[in-house]
Protein backbone atom coordinates (compact mmCIF):
# COMPACT_ATOMS: atom_id res chain seq x y z
CA MET A 1 12.81 15.56 2.47
CA GLU A 2 10.54 17.75 0.36
CA TYR A 3 10.15 16.98 -3.36
CA SER A 4 9.06 19.30 -6.14
CA GLN A 5 6.68 17.75 -8.66
CA LEU A 6 9.57 17.25 -11.09
CA GLU A 7 11.78 15.66 -8.42
CA LEU A 8 8.94 13.43 -7.27
CA VAL A 9 8.19 12.15 -10.76
CA ARG A 10 11.89 11.64 -11.47
CA GLY A 11 12.32 9.81 -8.16
CA ILE A 12 9.39 7.49 -8.82
CA LYS A 13 10.64 6.81 -12.35
CA ASN A 14 14.00 5.87 -10.79
CA LYS A 15 12.19 3.61 -8.28
CA ASP A 16 13.39 5.70 -5.34
CA SER A 17 11.60 4.40 -2.25
CA GLY A 18 11.95 7.82 -0.58
CA ALA A 19 9.97 9.39 -3.42
CA TYR A 20 7.33 6.66 -3.08
CA GLU A 21 7.02 7.29 0.66
CA TYR A 22 6.80 11.03 0.05
CA MET A 23 4.06 10.53 -2.55
CA ILE A 24 2.04 8.51 -0.06
CA SER A 25 2.53 10.99 2.79
CA LYS A 26 1.67 14.00 0.61
CA TYR A 27 -1.27 12.59 -1.33
CA SER A 28 -2.85 9.92 0.86
CA LYS A 29 -5.51 12.23 2.32
CA PRO A 30 -6.79 13.65 -0.98
CA VAL A 31 -6.76 10.20 -2.59
CA TYR A 32 -8.58 8.73 0.41
CA TYR A 33 -11.20 11.50 0.36
CA LEU A 34 -11.86 10.95 -3.34
CA ALA A 35 -12.10 7.17 -2.93
CA HIS A 36 -14.34 7.59 0.11
CA SER A 37 -16.67 9.95 -1.75
CA ILE A 38 -17.01 7.46 -4.59
CA LEU A 39 -17.11 4.18 -2.66
CA SER A 40 -18.50 4.86 0.82
CA ALA A 41 -22.11 4.04 -0.01
CA SER A 42 -21.30 0.52 -1.13
CA HIS A 43 -17.90 -0.44 0.30
CA SER A 44 -16.28 -0.89 3.69
CA LYS A 45 -13.51 1.28 5.13
CA GLU A 46 -11.08 -1.58 4.49
CA ASP A 47 -12.12 -1.71 0.83
CA ILE A 48 -11.55 2.03 0.50
CA GLU A 49 -8.12 1.76 2.13
CA GLU A 50 -7.22 -1.07 -0.25
CA CYS A 51 -8.33 1.08 -3.17
CA VAL A 52 -6.07 3.91 -1.95
CA ALA A 53 -3.12 1.52 -1.68
CA ASP A 54 -3.85 0.34 -5.22
CA VAL A 55 -3.80 3.93 -6.50
CA PHE A 56 -0.27 4.41 -5.20
CA LEU A 57 0.89 1.08 -6.56
CA ASP A 58 -0.60 1.93 -9.96
CA ALA A 59 1.17 5.29 -9.91
CA TRP A 60 4.47 3.54 -9.12
CA ILE A 61 3.95 1.14 -12.02
CA LYS A 62 2.46 3.62 -14.54
CA ILE A 63 4.65 6.65 -13.84
CA ALA A 64 6.00 6.61 -17.41
CA GLU A 65 2.48 7.61 -18.53
CA PHE A 66 2.58 10.87 -16.55
CA ASN A 67 2.70 13.95 -18.79
CA LYS A 68 3.08 17.27 -16.99
CA GLU A 69 1.67 19.03 -20.05
CA GLN A 70 -1.68 17.24 -19.61
CA ALA A 71 -2.21 17.39 -15.85
CA SER A 72 -0.63 18.12 -12.50
CA PHE A 73 0.77 15.12 -10.67
CA GLN A 74 -2.11 15.13 -8.19
CA THR A 75 -4.72 15.20 -10.95
CA TRP A 76 -2.92 12.41 -12.80
CA LEU A 77 -2.75 10.40 -9.56
CA HIS A 78 -6.50 10.70 -9.10
CA ILE A 79 -7.19 9.75 -12.72
CA THR A 80 -4.74 6.84 -12.62
CA GLY A 81 -6.57 5.34 -9.67
CA ILE A 82 -9.96 5.33 -11.32
């Protein structure tokens, strides 16, 4: 299933596991690349992967803080993980 940004945010707010899985499948590469660019000099691949998992968990928990007027979902996801 494909989600629009609005549907994705609504799904995560409603604790829809399909929306969570979609978020991970759609955004795991960009989140991983950002984490890798920040952490690769001083952390292992496993540490980076754990960081990426934490970003998605934080997004799941903090979704009520998302404001589409301030940032796109992807930008918010990156900021949330930092």
